[in-house]
All heavy atoms as atom14 arrays in JSON, in Angstrom:
{
  "sequence": "KTFIMRGNVLDLAVGVIIGAAFQAIVTSLTTDIISPILGLFGGMNFDQ",
  "atom14_mask": [
    [1, 1, 1, 1, 1, 1, 1, 1, 1, 0, 0, 0, 0, 0],
    [1, 1, 1, 1, 1, 1, 1, 0, 0, 0, 0, 0, 0, 0],
    [1, 1, 1, 1, 1, 1, 1, 1, 1, 1, 1, 0, 0, 0],
    [1, 1, 1, 1, 1, 1, 1, 1, 0, 0, 0, 0, 0, 0],
    [1, 1, 1, 1, 1, 1, 1, 1, 0, 0, 0, 0, 0, 0],
    [1, 1, 1, 1, 1, 1, 1, 1, 1, 1, 1, 0, 0, 0],
    [1, 1, 1, 1, 0, 0, 0, 0, 0, 0, 0, 0, 0, 0],
    [1, 1, 1, 1, 1, 1, 1, 1, 0, 0, 0, 0, 0, 0],
    [1, 1, 1, 1, 1, 1, 1, 0, 0, 0, 0, 0, 0, 0],
    [1, 1, 1, 1, 1, 1, 1, 1, 0, 0, 0, 0, 0, 0],
    [1, 1, 1, 1, 1, 1, 1, 1, 0, 0, 0, 0, 0, 0],
    [1, 1, 1, 1, 1, 1, 1, 1, 0, 0, 0, 0, 0, 0],
    [1, 1, 1, 1, 1, 0, 0, 0, 0, 0, 0, 0, 0, 0],
    [1, 1, 1, 1, 1, 1, 1, 0, 0, 0, 0, 0, 0, 0],
    [1, 1, 1, 1, 0, 0, 0, 0, 0, 0, 0, 0, 0, 0],
    [1, 1, 1, 1, 1, 1, 1, 0, 0, 0, 0, 0, 0, 0],
    [1, 1, 1, 1, 1, 1, 1, 1, 0, 0, 0, 0, 0, 0],
    [1, 1, 1, 1, 1, 1, 1, 1, 0, 0, 0, 0, 0, 0],
    [1, 1, 1, 1, 0, 0, 0, 0, 0, 0, 0, 0, 0, 0],
    [1, 1, 1, 1, 1, 0, 0, 0, 0, 0, 0, 0, 0, 0],
    [1, 1, 1, 1, 1, 0, 0, 0, 0, 0, 0, 0, 0, 0],
    [1, 1, 1, 1, 1, 1, 1, 1, 1, 1, 1, 0, 0, 0],
    [1, 1, 1, 1, 1, 1, 1, 1, 1, 0, 0, 0, 0, 0],
    [1, 1, 1, 1, 1, 0, 0, 0, 0, 0, 0, 0, 0, 0],
    [1, 1, 1, 1, 1, 1, 1, 1, 0, 0, 0, 0, 0, 0],
    [1, 1, 1, 1, 1, 1, 1, 0, 0, 0, 0, 0, 0, 0],
    [1, 1, 1, 1, 1, 1, 1, 0, 0, 0, 0, 0, 0, 0],
    [1, 1, 1, 1, 1, 1, 0, 0, 0, 0, 0, 0, 0, 0],
    [1, 1, 1, 1, 1, 1, 1, 1, 0, 0, 0, 0, 0, 0],
    [1, 1, 1, 1, 1, 1, 1, 0, 0, 0, 0, 0, 0, 0],
    [1, 1, 1, 1, 1, 1, 1, 0, 0, 0, 0, 0, 0, 0],
    [1, 1, 1, 1, 1, 1, 1, 1, 0, 0, 0, 0, 0, 0],
    [1, 1, 1, 1, 1, 1, 1, 1, 0, 0, 0, 0, 0, 0],
    [1, 1, 1, 1, 1, 1, 1, 1, 0, 0, 0, 0, 0, 0],
    [1, 1, 1, 1, 1, 1, 0, 0, 0, 0, 0, 0, 0, 0],
    [1, 1, 1, 1, 1, 1, 1, 0, 0, 0, 0, 0, 0, 0],
    [1, 1, 1, 1, 1, 1, 1, 1, 0, 0, 0, 0, 0, 0],
    [1, 1, 1, 1, 1, 1, 1, 1, 0, 0, 0, 0, 0, 0],
    [1, 1, 1, 1, 0, 0, 0, 0, 0, 0, 0, 0, 0, 0],
    [1, 1, 1, 1, 1, 1, 1, 1, 0, 0, 0, 0, 0, 0],
    [1, 1, 1, 1, 1, 1, 1, 1, 1, 1, 1, 0, 0, 0],
    [1, 1, 1, 1, 0, 0, 0, 0, 0, 0, 0, 0, 0, 0],
    [1, 1, 1, 1, 0, 0, 0, 0, 0, 0, 0, 0, 0, 0],
    [1, 1, 1, 1, 1, 1, 1, 1, 0, 0, 0, 0, 0, 0],
    [1, 1, 1, 1, 1, 1, 1, 1, 0, 0, 0, 0, 0, 0],
    [1, 1, 1, 1, 1, 1, 1, 1, 1, 1, 1, 0, 0, 0],
    [1, 1, 1, 1, 1, 1, 1, 1, 0, 0, 0, 0, 0, 0],
    [1, 1, 1, 1, 1, 1, 1, 1, 1, 0, 0, 0, 0, 0]
  ],
  "atom14_positions": [
    [[-27.79, 11.93, 3.32], [-27.32, 12.6, 2.11], [-26.49, 13.83, 2.49], [-25.43, 14.08, 1.92], [-28.51, 13.01, 1.24], [-28.1, 13.72, -0.02], [-29.33, 14.13, -0.83], [-28.91, 14.98, -2.01], [-30.07, 15.52, -2.72], [0.0, 0.0, 0.0], [0.0, 0.0, 0.0], [0.0, 0.0, 0.0], [0.0, 0.0, 0.0], [0.0, 0.0, 0.0]],
    [[-26.95, 14.61, 3.46], [-26.21, 15.78, 3.92], [-24.85, 15.38, 4.48], [-23.83, 16.02, 4.19], [-27.02, 16.55, 5.0], [-28.29, 16.89, 4.45], [-26.31, 17.79, 5.45], [0.0, 0.0, 0.0], [0.0, 0.0, 0.0], [0.0, 0.0, 0.0], [0.0, 0.0, 0.0], [0.0, 0.0, 0.0], [0.0, 0.0, 0.0], [0.0, 0.0, 0.0]],
    [[-24.84, 14.3, 5.25], [-23.59, 13.81, 5.83], [-22.61, 13.39, 4.74], [-21.43, 13.74, 4.77], [-23.9, 12.63, 6.76], [-22.67, 11.91, 7.25], [-21.87, 12.46, 8.23], [-22.33, 10.67, 6.73], [-20.74, 11.81, 8.68], [-21.21, 10.01, 7.17], [-20.41, 10.58, 8.14], [0.0, 0.0, 0.0], [0.0, 0.0, 0.0], [0.0, 0.0, 0.0]],
    [[-23.09, 12.64, 3.76], [-22.23, 12.12, 2.69], [-21.69, 13.25, 1.82], [-20.56, 13.2, 1.36], [-23.0, 11.08, 1.84], [-23.22, 9.82, 2.63], [-22.27, 10.76, 0.54], [-21.95, 9.1, 3.04], [0.0, 0.0, 0.0], [0.0, 0.0, 0.0], [0.0, 0.0, 0.0], [0.0, 0.0, 0.0], [0.0, 0.0, 0.0], [0.0, 0.0, 0.0]],
    [[-22.48, 14.27, 1.61], [-22.09, 15.33, 0.7], [-21.15, 16.36, 1.33], [-20.7, 17.27, 0.67], [-23.33, 16.04, 0.13], [-24.2, 15.11, -0.71], [-23.29, 14.19, -1.97], [-23.0, 15.47, -3.14], [0.0, 0.0, 0.0], [0.0, 0.0, 0.0], [0.0, 0.0, 0.0], [0.0, 0.0, 0.0], [0.0, 0.0, 0.0], [0.0, 0.0, 0.0]],
    [[-20.88, 16.23, 2.61], [-19.91, 17.13, 3.24], [-18.55, 16.91, 2.61], [-18.18, 15.8, 2.26], [-19.8, 16.85, 4.74], [-20.96, 17.36, 5.51], [-20.68, 17.17, 6.98], [-21.89, 17.43, 7.74], [-22.13, 16.95, 8.93], [-21.26, 16.18, 9.52], [-23.25, 17.24, 9.55], [0.0, 0.0, 0.0], [0.0, 0.0, 0.0], [0.0, 0.0, 0.0]],
    [[-17.78, 17.96, 2.53], [-16.45, 17.88, 1.93], [-15.53, 16.94, 2.67], [-14.76, 16.21, 2.06], [0.0, 0.0, 0.0], [0.0, 0.0, 0.0], [0.0, 0.0, 0.0], [0.0, 0.0, 0.0], [0.0, 0.0, 0.0], [0.0, 0.0, 0.0], [0.0, 0.0, 0.0], [0.0, 0.0, 0.0], [0.0, 0.0, 0.0], [0.0, 0.0, 0.0]],
    [[-15.6, 16.91, 3.98], [-14.7, 16.08, 4.77], [-14.88, 14.6, 4.46], [-13.91, 13.86, 4.34], [-14.92, 16.3, 6.26], [-14.67, 17.73, 6.67], [-14.39, 18.58, 5.84], [-14.8, 18.0, 7.94], [0.0, 0.0, 0.0], [0.0, 0.0, 0.0], [0.0, 0.0, 0.0], [0.0, 0.0, 0.0], [0.0, 0.0, 0.0], [0.0, 0.0, 0.0]],
    [[-16.12, 14.16, 4.34], [-16.39, 12.74, 4.09], [-15.91, 12.35, 2.71], [-15.3, 11.3, 2.52], [-17.89, 12.44, 4.27], [-18.21, 11.01, 3.9], [-18.32, 12.72, 5.7], [0.0, 0.0, 0.0], [0.0, 0.0, 0.0], [0.0, 0.0, 0.0], [0.0, 0.0, 0.0], [0.0, 0.0, 0.0], [0.0, 0.0, 0.0], [0.0, 0.0, 0.0]],
    [[-16.16, 13.21, 1.72], [-15.71, 12.9, 0.37], [-14.19, 12.88, 0.29], [-13.6, 12.01, -0.35], [-16.29, 13.9, -0.62], [-17.81, 13.85, -0.8], [-18.28, 14.96, -1.72], [-18.23, 12.5, -1.35], [0.0, 0.0, 0.0], [0.0, 0.0, 0.0], [0.0, 0.0, 0.0], [0.0, 0.0, 0.0], [0.0, 0.0, 0.0], [0.0, 0.0, 0.0]],
    [[-13.54, 13.84, 0.96], [-12.08, 13.85, 0.99], [-11.54, 12.59, 1.65], [-10.56, 12.0, 1.18], [-11.56, 15.08, 1.74], [-11.83, 16.37, 1.0], [-12.14, 16.31, -0.2], [-11.75, 17.44, 1.64], [0.0, 0.0, 0.0], [0.0, 0.0, 0.0], [0.0, 0.0, 0.0], [0.0, 0.0, 0.0], [0.0, 0.0, 0.0], [0.0, 0.0, 0.0]],
    [[-12.17, 12.18, 2.73], [-11.74, 10.96, 3.42], [-11.9, 9.74, 2.53], [-11.0, 8.89, 2.46], [-12.54, 10.78, 4.71], [-12.21, 9.53, 5.52], [-10.78, 9.58, 6.03], [-13.17, 9.4, 6.69], [0.0, 0.0, 0.0], [0.0, 0.0, 0.0], [0.0, 0.0, 0.0], [0.0, 0.0, 0.0], [0.0, 0.0, 0.0], [0.0, 0.0, 0.0]],
    [[-13.01, 9.65, 1.82], [-13.24, 8.51, 0.93], [-12.19, 8.46, -0.18], [-11.64, 7.4, -0.48], [-14.64, 8.59, 0.33], [0.0, 0.0, 0.0], [0.0, 0.0, 0.0], [0.0, 0.0, 0.0], [0.0, 0.0, 0.0], [0.0, 0.0, 0.0], [0.0, 0.0, 0.0], [0.0, 0.0, 0.0], [0.0, 0.0, 0.0], [0.0, 0.0, 0.0]],
    [[-11.9, 9.6, -0.77], [-10.87, 9.65, -1.82], [-9.52, 9.26, -1.23], [-8.77, 8.5, -1.84], [-10.83, 11.06, -2.46], [-9.61, 11.22, -3.36], [-12.09, 11.32, -3.25], [0.0, 0.0, 0.0], [0.0, 0.0, 0.0], [0.0, 0.0, 0.0], [0.0, 0.0, 0.0], [0.0, 0.0, 0.0], [0.0, 0.0, 0.0], [0.0, 0.0, 0.0]],
    [[-9.22, 9.75, -0.03], [-7.96, 9.41, 0.62], [-7.82, 7.91, 0.88], [-6.75, 7.34, 0.7], [0.0, 0.0, 0.0], [0.0, 0.0, 0.0], [0.0, 0.0, 0.0], [0.0, 0.0, 0.0], [0.0, 0.0, 0.0], [0.0, 0.0, 0.0], [0.0, 0.0, 0.0], [0.0, 0.0, 0.0], [0.0, 0.0, 0.0], [0.0, 0.0, 0.0]],
    [[-8.91, 7.29, 1.32], [-8.88, 5.85, 1.6], [-8.64, 5.07, 0.31], [-7.84, 4.12, 0.27], [-10.18, 5.4, 2.3], [-10.3, 3.89, 2.31], [-10.23, 5.96, 3.71], [0.0, 0.0, 0.0], [0.0, 0.0, 0.0], [0.0, 0.0, 0.0], [0.0, 0.0, 0.0], [0.0, 0.0, 0.0], [0.0, 0.0, 0.0], [0.0, 0.0, 0.0]],
    [[-9.31, 5.46, -0.76], [-9.15, 4.76, -2.04], [-7.73, 4.92, -2.56], [-7.09, 3.94, -2.98], [-10.19, 5.26, -3.07], [-11.6, 4.84, -2.63], [-9.89, 4.74, -4.46], [-12.71, 5.51, -3.38], [0.0, 0.0, 0.0], [0.0, 0.0, 0.0], [0.0, 0.0, 0.0], [0.0, 0.0, 0.0], [0.0, 0.0, 0.0], [0.0, 0.0, 0.0]],
    [[-7.21, 6.13, -2.51], [-5.85, 6.36, -2.98], [-4.85, 5.63, -2.08], [-3.88, 5.04, -2.55], [-5.54, 7.87, -3.04], [-6.34, 8.5, -4.18], [-4.05, 8.13, -3.24], [-6.26, 10.01, -4.23], [0.0, 0.0, 0.0], [0.0, 0.0, 0.0], [0.0, 0.0, 0.0], [0.0, 0.0, 0.0], [0.0, 0.0, 0.0], [0.0, 0.0, 0.0]],
    [[-5.1, 5.64, -0.77], [-4.23, 4.93, 0.16], [-4.2, 3.44, -0.1], [-3.13, 2.81, -0.04], [0.0, 0.0, 0.0], [0.0, 0.0, 0.0], [0.0, 0.0, 0.0], [0.0, 0.0, 0.0], [0.0, 0.0, 0.0], [0.0, 0.0, 0.0], [0.0, 0.0, 0.0], [0.0, 0.0, 0.0], [0.0, 0.0, 0.0], [0.0, 0.0, 0.0]],
    [[-5.35, 2.85, -0.4], [-5.4, 1.42, -0.7], [-4.63, 1.1, -1.98], [-3.9, 0.1, -2.05], [-6.85, 0.96, -0.83], [0.0, 0.0, 0.0], [0.0, 0.0, 0.0], [0.0, 0.0, 0.0], [0.0, 0.0, 0.0], [0.0, 0.0, 0.0], [0.0, 0.0, 0.0], [0.0, 0.0, 0.0], [0.0, 0.0, 0.0], [0.0, 0.0, 0.0]],
    [[-4.78, 1.95, -2.99], [-4.04, 1.74, -4.23], [-2.54, 1.89, -4.0], [-1.73, 1.1, -4.5], [-4.51, 2.72, -5.3], [0.0, 0.0, 0.0], [0.0, 0.0, 0.0], [0.0, 0.0, 0.0], [0.0, 0.0, 0.0], [0.0, 0.0, 0.0], [0.0, 0.0, 0.0], [0.0, 0.0, 0.0], [0.0, 0.0, 0.0], [0.0, 0.0, 0.0]],
    [[-2.17, 2.88, -3.2], [-0.75, 3.1, -2.91], [-0.2, 1.95, -2.07], [0.96, 1.57, -2.23], [-0.56, 4.44, -2.21], [0.87, 4.81, -2.04], [1.65, 5.17, -3.12], [1.45, 4.78, -0.78], [2.98, 5.5, -2.95], [2.78, 5.1, -0.61], [3.55, 5.46, -1.7], [0.0, 0.0, 0.0], [0.0, 0.0, 0.0], [0.0, 0.0, 0.0]],
    [[-1.02, 1.4, -1.18], [-0.58, 0.26, -0.36], [-0.2, -0.92, -1.25], [0.77, -1.63, -0.96], [-1.68, -0.14, 0.63], [-1.33, -1.35, 1.47], [-0.14, -1.12, 2.38], [0.05, -0.04, 2.9], [0.67, -2.13, 2.58], [0.0, 0.0, 0.0], [0.0, 0.0, 0.0], [0.0, 0.0, 0.0], [0.0, 0.0, 0.0], [0.0, 0.0, 0.0]],
    [[-0.94, -1.12, -2.33], [-0.61, -2.21, -3.25], [0.77, -1.98, -3.88], [1.55, -2.92, -4.04], [-1.67, -2.33, -4.33], [0.0, 0.0, 0.0], [0.0, 0.0, 0.0], [0.0, 0.0, 0.0], [0.0, 0.0, 0.0], [0.0, 0.0, 0.0], [0.0, 0.0, 0.0], [0.0, 0.0, 0.0], [0.0, 0.0, 0.0], [0.0, 0.0, 0.0]],
    [[1.07, -0.74, -4.19], [2.38, -0.41, -4.77], [3.48, -0.67, -3.74], [4.52, -1.27, -4.06], [2.41, 1.05, -5.25], [1.45, 1.23, -6.42], [3.82, 1.48, -5.63], [1.24, 2.68, -6.82], [0.0, 0.0, 0.0], [0.0, 0.0, 0.0], [0.0, 0.0, 0.0], [0.0, 0.0, 0.0], [0.0, 0.0, 0.0], [0.0, 0.0, 0.0]],
    [[3.27, -0.23, -2.51], [4.28, -0.42, -1.47], [4.46, -1.91, -1.17], [5.59, -2.38, -0.99], [3.91, 0.37, -0.2], [4.82, 0.01, 0.96], [3.97, 1.85, -0.47], [0.0, 0.0, 0.0], [0.0, 0.0, 0.0], [0.0, 0.0, 0.0], [0.0, 0.0, 0.0], [0.0, 0.0, 0.0], [0.0, 0.0, 0.0], [0.0, 0.0, 0.0]],
    [[3.37, -2.66, -1.12], [3.47, -4.11, -0.88], [4.28, -4.77, -1.99], [5.13, -5.62, -1.72], [2.06, -4.73, -0.79], [1.37, -4.11, 0.29], [2.13, -6.23, -0.55], [0.0, 0.0, 0.0], [0.0, 0.0, 0.0], [0.0, 0.0, 0.0], [0.0, 0.0, 0.0], [0.0, 0.0, 0.0], [0.0, 0.0, 0.0], [0.0, 0.0, 0.0]],
    [[4.02, -4.39, -3.22], [4.78, -4.94, -4.34], [6.26, -4.56, -4.23], [7.14, -5.38, -4.48], [4.21, -4.44, -5.66], [5.0, -4.91, -6.73], [0.0, 0.0, 0.0], [0.0, 0.0, 0.0], [0.0, 0.0, 0.0], [0.0, 0.0, 0.0], [0.0, 0.0, 0.0], [0.0, 0.0, 0.0], [0.0, 0.0, 0.0], [0.0, 0.0, 0.0]],
    [[6.53, -3.32, -3.83], [7.92, -2.88, -3.67], [8.64, -3.74, -2.64], [9.75, -4.22, -2.89], [7.95, -1.4, -3.24], [9.31, -0.84, -2.84], [10.2, -0.7, -4.06], [9.16, 0.48, -2.12], [0.0, 0.0, 0.0], [0.0, 0.0, 0.0], [0.0, 0.0, 0.0], [0.0, 0.0, 0.0], [0.0, 0.0, 0.0], [0.0, 0.0, 0.0]],
    [[8.03, -3.96, -1.49], [8.71, -4.74, -0.45], [8.76, -6.22, -0.79], [9.78, -6.87, -0.56], [8.04, -4.55, 0.92], [6.67, -4.86, 0.82], [8.21, -3.13, 1.41], [0.0, 0.0, 0.0], [0.0, 0.0, 0.0], [0.0, 0.0, 0.0], [0.0, 0.0, 0.0], [0.0, 0.0, 0.0], [0.0, 0.0, 0.0], [0.0, 0.0, 0.0]],
    [[7.67, -6.76, -1.33], [7.62, -8.2, -1.63], [8.48, -8.57, -2.83], [9.19, -9.57, -2.8], [6.16, -8.64, -1.88], [5.38, -8.29, -0.75], [6.07, -10.14, -2.11], [0.0, 0.0, 0.0], [0.0, 0.0, 0.0], [0.0, 0.0, 0.0], [0.0, 0.0, 0.0], [0.0, 0.0, 0.0], [0.0, 0.0, 0.0], [0.0, 0.0, 0.0]],
    [[8.41, -7.75, -3.89], [9.05, -8.12, -5.15], [10.45, -7.54, -5.32], [11.22, -8.02, -6.16], [8.18, -7.67, -6.33], [6.8, -8.32, -6.29], [6.7, -9.46, -5.77], [5.83, -7.7, -6.75], [0.0, 0.0, 0.0], [0.0, 0.0, 0.0], [0.0, 0.0, 0.0], [0.0, 0.0, 0.0], [0.0, 0.0, 0.0], [0.0, 0.0, 0.0]],
    [[10.78, -6.49, -4.56], [12.1, -5.87, -4.76], [12.95, -5.91, -3.49], [14.06, -6.44, -3.51], [11.94, -4.41, -5.26], [11.26, -4.42, -6.64], [13.29, -3.71, -5.34], [10.91, -3.07, -7.18], [0.0, 0.0, 0.0], [0.0, 0.0, 0.0], [0.0, 0.0, 0.0], [0.0, 0.0, 0.0], [0.0, 0.0, 0.0], [0.0, 0.0, 0.0]],
    [[12.43, -5.36, -2.39], [13.24, -5.27, -1.17], [13.52, -6.65, -0.57], [14.67, -6.96, -0.22], [12.58, -4.33, -0.14], [12.57, -2.9, -0.68], [13.31, -4.39, 1.2], [11.84, -1.91, 0.19], [0.0, 0.0, 0.0], [0.0, 0.0, 0.0], [0.0, 0.0, 0.0], [0.0, 0.0, 0.0], [0.0, 0.0, 0.0], [0.0, 0.0, 0.0]],
    [[12.5, -7.49, -0.42], [12.7, -8.82, 0.18], [13.68, -9.68, -0.62], [14.57, -10.29, -0.03], [11.37, -9.55, 0.33], [10.59, -8.93, 1.32], [0.0, 0.0, 0.0], [0.0, 0.0, 0.0], [0.0, 0.0, 0.0], [0.0, 0.0, 0.0], [0.0, 0.0, 0.0], [0.0, 0.0, 0.0], [0.0, 0.0, 0.0], [0.0, 0.0, 0.0]],
    [[13.57, -9.73, -1.96], [14.57, -10.52, -2.7], [15.98, -9.95, -2.57], [16.95, -10.71, -2.49], [14.08, -10.44, -4.15], [12.62, -10.22, -4.04], [12.44, -9.35, -2.83], [0.0, 0.0, 0.0], [0.0, 0.0, 0.0], [0.0, 0.0, 0.0], [0.0, 0.0, 0.0], [0.0, 0.0, 0.0], [0.0, 0.0, 0.0], [0.0, 0.0, 0.0]],
    [[16.11, -8.61, -2.52], [17.45, -8.03, -2.36], [18.02, -8.41, -1.0], [19.19, -8.8, -0.89], [17.4, -6.5, -2.56], [17.15, -6.18, -4.02], [18.7, -5.86, -2.08], [16.92, -4.71, -4.31], [0.0, 0.0, 0.0], [0.0, 0.0, 0.0], [0.0, 0.0, 0.0], [0.0, 0.0, 0.0], [0.0, 0.0, 0.0], [0.0, 0.0, 0.0]],
    [[17.18, -8.32, 0.05], [17.65, -8.75, 1.37], [17.92, -10.26, 1.38], [18.79, -10.73, 2.1], [16.62, -8.39, 2.45], [16.42, -6.89, 2.71], [15.29, -6.67, 3.7], [17.7, -6.26, 3.21], [0.0, 0.0, 0.0], [0.0, 0.0, 0.0], [0.0, 0.0, 0.0], [0.0, 0.0, 0.0], [0.0, 0.0, 0.0], [0.0, 0.0, 0.0]],
    [[17.17, -11.0, 0.58], [17.36, -12.44, 0.48], [18.69, -12.83, -0.16], [19.17, -13.94, 0.03], [0.0, 0.0, 0.0], [0.0, 0.0, 0.0], [0.0, 0.0, 0.0], [0.0, 0.0, 0.0], [0.0, 0.0, 0.0], [0.0, 0.0, 0.0], [0.0, 0.0, 0.0], [0.0, 0.0, 0.0], [0.0, 0.0, 0.0], [0.0, 0.0, 0.0]],
    [[19.27, -11.92, -0.92], [20.58, -12.2, -1.52], [21.61, -12.49, -0.44], [22.53, -13.3, -0.63], [21.05, -11.0, -2.37], [20.33, -10.78, -3.68], [20.83, -9.48, -4.34], [20.53, -11.96, -4.62], [0.0, 0.0, 0.0], [0.0, 0.0, 0.0], [0.0, 0.0, 0.0], [0.0, 0.0, 0.0], [0.0, 0.0, 0.0], [0.0, 0.0, 0.0]],
    [[21.47, -11.82, 0.71], [22.42, -12.03, 1.79], [22.12, -13.29, 2.59], [23.0, -13.82, 3.24], [22.41, -10.81, 2.72], [22.75, -9.53, 2.01], [21.78, -8.58, 1.78], [24.04, -9.29, 1.55], [22.07, -7.4, 1.12], [24.35, -8.11, 0.89], [23.37, -7.16, 0.66], [0.0, 0.0, 0.0], [0.0, 0.0, 0.0], [0.0, 0.0, 0.0]],
    [[20.88, -13.77, 2.53], [20.51, -14.95, 3.31], [20.32, -16.2, 2.48], [20.12, -17.28, 3.0], [0.0, 0.0, 0.0], [0.0, 0.0, 0.0], [0.0, 0.0, 0.0], [0.0, 0.0, 0.0], [0.0, 0.0, 0.0], [0.0, 0.0, 0.0], [0.0, 0.0, 0.0], [0.0, 0.0, 0.0], [0.0, 0.0, 0.0], [0.0, 0.0, 0.0]],
    [[20.35, -16.07, 1.18], [20.26, -17.23, 0.32], [18.86, -17.54, -0.16], [18.68, -18.4, -1.0], [0.0, 0.0, 0.0], [0.0, 0.0, 0.0], [0.0, 0.0, 0.0], [0.0, 0.0, 0.0], [0.0, 0.0, 0.0], [0.0, 0.0, 0.0], [0.0, 0.0, 0.0], [0.0, 0.0, 0.0], [0.0, 0.0, 0.0], [0.0, 0.0, 0.0]],
    [[17.81, -16.87, 0.36], [16.46, -17.07, -0.15], [15.66, -15.79, 0.07], [16.1, -14.88, 0.76], [15.78, -18.26, 0.52], [15.43, -18.1, 1.97], [14.51, -19.52, 2.53], [15.03, -19.58, 4.21], [0.0, 0.0, 0.0], [0.0, 0.0, 0.0], [0.0, 0.0, 0.0], [0.0, 0.0, 0.0], [0.0, 0.0, 0.0], [0.0, 0.0, 0.0]],
    [[14.48, -15.75, -0.53], [13.61, -14.58, -0.42], [13.31, -14.3, 1.04], [13.01, -15.2, 1.81], [12.33, -14.82, -1.21], [11.52, -13.55, -1.39], [11.64, -12.6, -0.63], [10.68, -13.57, -2.41], [0.0, 0.0, 0.0], [0.0, 0.0, 0.0], [0.0, 0.0, 0.0], [0.0, 0.0, 0.0], [0.0, 0.0, 0.0], [0.0, 0.0, 0.0]],
    [[13.36, -13.06, 1.42], [13.16, -12.64, 2.8], [11.8, -13.08, 3.36], [11.68, -13.38, 4.54], [13.32, -11.11, 2.87], [13.54, -10.57, 4.24], [14.65, -10.92, 4.98], [12.61, -9.71, 4.81], [14.86, -10.41, 6.24], [12.82, -9.19, 6.07], [13.94, -9.54, 6.78], [0.0, 0.0, 0.0], [0.0, 0.0, 0.0], [0.0, 0.0, 0.0]],
    [[10.78, -13.11, 2.5], [9.43, -13.53, 2.93], [9.4, -14.99, 3.39], [8.52, -15.39, 4.14], [8.42, -13.39, 1.78], [7.93, -11.97, 1.62], [8.17, -11.17, 2.53], [7.29, -11.68, 0.59], [0.0, 0.0, 0.0], [0.0, 0.0, 0.0], [0.0, 0.0, 0.0], [0.0, 0.0, 0.0], [0.0, 0.0, 0.0], [0.0, 0.0, 0.0]],
    [[10.32, -15.79, 2.92], [10.27, -17.22, 3.19], [10.97, -17.62, 4.49], [10.94, -18.78, 4.86], [10.88, -17.97, 2.02], [10.09, -17.78, 0.74], [10.79, -18.35, -0.48], [11.91, -18.84, -0.38], [10.14, -18.27, -1.63], [0.0, 0.0, 0.0], [0.0, 0.0, 0.0], [0.0, 0.0, 0.0], [0.0, 0.0, 0.0], [0.0, 0.0, 0.0]]
  ]
}
């Protein structure tokens, strides 16, 4: 309980959760926007 209640651990947990949520946004940006735009030059979606 003492370990968990330290500020560093709670800050780290919040950072990990926010990072995971932000990773979903970045993945969507590259998969749904950047890859198709790059695919315009190659004729298909960049992921493929």
